[in-house]
Amino acid sequence: MLWFVESYAALPLVLWLLDIGQLALLGLAVALIAGLTAIRYFGLDARAAYRLLGAFLIQALGGGHVRASPAHDRRPY
């Protein structure tokens, strides 16, 4: 922990320090730190949140139904 921020969430801030003149990068860094800290608050890491978001988008775009593909040995080809 770095103060109240997880140490991995401080990486965007370090990237902003490479080009400190860009205020848009500061805003992006602060937004990423807030998002990653919120994700961590709910008990997820960045990779698990990415997988959860991907599964949600697949179900949302697929109308709530996801067809499983048949097993490899049962495919007709």
Protein backbone atom coordinates (compact mmCIF):
# COMPACT_ATOMS: atom_id res chain seq x y z
CA MET A 1 0.00 0.00 0.00
CA LEU A 2 1.13 3.51 -0.83
CA TRP A 3 -0.92 5.70 1.50
CA PHE A 4 -4.49 4.68 0.58
CA VAL A 5 -3.72 3.39 -2.93
CA GLU A 6 -2.67 -0.12 -3.85
CA SER A 7 0.86 -0.13 -5.20
CA TYR A 8 -0.08 -1.63 -8.59
CA ALA A 9 -2.63 1.15 -9.09
CA ALA A 10 0.13 3.76 -8.80
CA LEU A 11 1.66 2.62 -12.11
CA PRO A 12 -0.42 5.12 -14.16
CA LEU A 13 0.89 7.90 -11.94
CA VAL A 14 4.46 6.81 -12.61
CA LEU A 15 3.73 6.83 -16.35
CA TRP A 16 2.35 10.36 -16.02
CA LEU A 17 5.58 11.45 -14.36
CA LEU A 18 7.44 10.58 -17.57
CA ASP A 19 5.62 13.44 -19.34
CA ILE A 20 4.53 15.71 -16.51
CA GLY A 21 3.35 18.52 -18.78
CA GLN A 22 0.31 16.65 -20.04
CA LEU A 23 -2.73 17.40 -17.88
CA ALA A 24 -4.86 14.96 -19.85
CA LEU A 25 -2.50 12.18 -18.79
CA LEU A 26 -2.87 13.28 -15.17
CA GLY A 27 -6.64 12.98 -15.47
CA LEU A 28 -6.31 9.55 -17.05
CA ALA A 29 -3.88 8.44 -14.34
CA VAL A 30 -6.19 9.61 -11.55
CA ALA A 31 -9.17 7.90 -13.19
CA LEU A 32 -7.23 4.64 -13.55
CA ILE A 33 -6.06 4.79 -9.95
CA ALA A 34 -9.62 5.40 -8.74
CA GLY A 35 -10.97 2.57 -10.90
CA LEU A 36 -8.33 0.07 -9.85
CA THR A 37 -8.75 1.01 -6.19
CA ALA A 38 -12.53 0.55 -6.48
CA ILE A 39 -12.06 -2.84 -8.13
CA ARG A 40 -9.69 -3.86 -5.34
CA TYR A 41 -12.22 -2.67 -2.73
CA PHE A 42 -14.71 -5.22 -4.08
CA GLY A 43 -12.14 -8.01 -3.71
CA LEU A 44 -11.08 -8.40 -7.34
CA ASP A 45 -7.79 -7.85 -9.05
CA ALA A 46 -7.48 -6.26 -12.47
CA ARG A 47 -7.36 -9.60 -14.33
CA ALA A 48 -10.47 -10.97 -12.58
CA ALA A 49 -12.38 -7.75 -13.23
CA TYR A 50 -11.40 -7.94 -16.93
CA ARG A 51 -12.72 -11.51 -17.14
CA LEU A 52 -15.93 -10.56 -15.32
CA LEU A 53 -16.49 -7.61 -17.66
CA GLY A 54 -15.85 -9.81 -20.70
CA ALA A 55 -18.33 -12.43 -19.53
CA PHE A 56 -20.91 -9.72 -18.85
CA LEU A 57 -20.46 -8.21 -22.31
CA ILE A 58 -20.75 -11.60 -24.00
CA GLN A 59 -24.00 -12.31 -22.19
CA ALA A 60 -25.35 -8.80 -22.79
CA LEU A 61 -24.55 -8.81 -26.51
CA GLY A 62 -25.68 -12.40 -26.95
CA GLY A 63 -29.14 -11.75 -25.52
CA GLY A 64 -28.37 -13.57 -22.28
CA HIS A 65 -27.62 -16.89 -23.97
CA VAL A 66 -24.18 -18.23 -24.68
CA ARG A 67 -24.03 -21.37 -26.77
CA ALA A 68 -21.34 -23.78 -25.77
CA SER A 69 -19.40 -25.40 -28.56
CA PRO A 70 -19.51 -29.20 -28.70
CA ALA A 71 -16.59 -31.22 -27.45
CA HIS A 72 -13.72 -31.58 -29.90
CA ASP A 73 -14.22 -35.31 -30.46
CA ARG A 74 -17.95 -34.86 -31.18
CA ARG A 75 -17.56 -32.28 -33.94
CA PRO A 76 -18.59 -33.50 -37.40
CA TYR A 77 -15.35 -32.45 -39.06
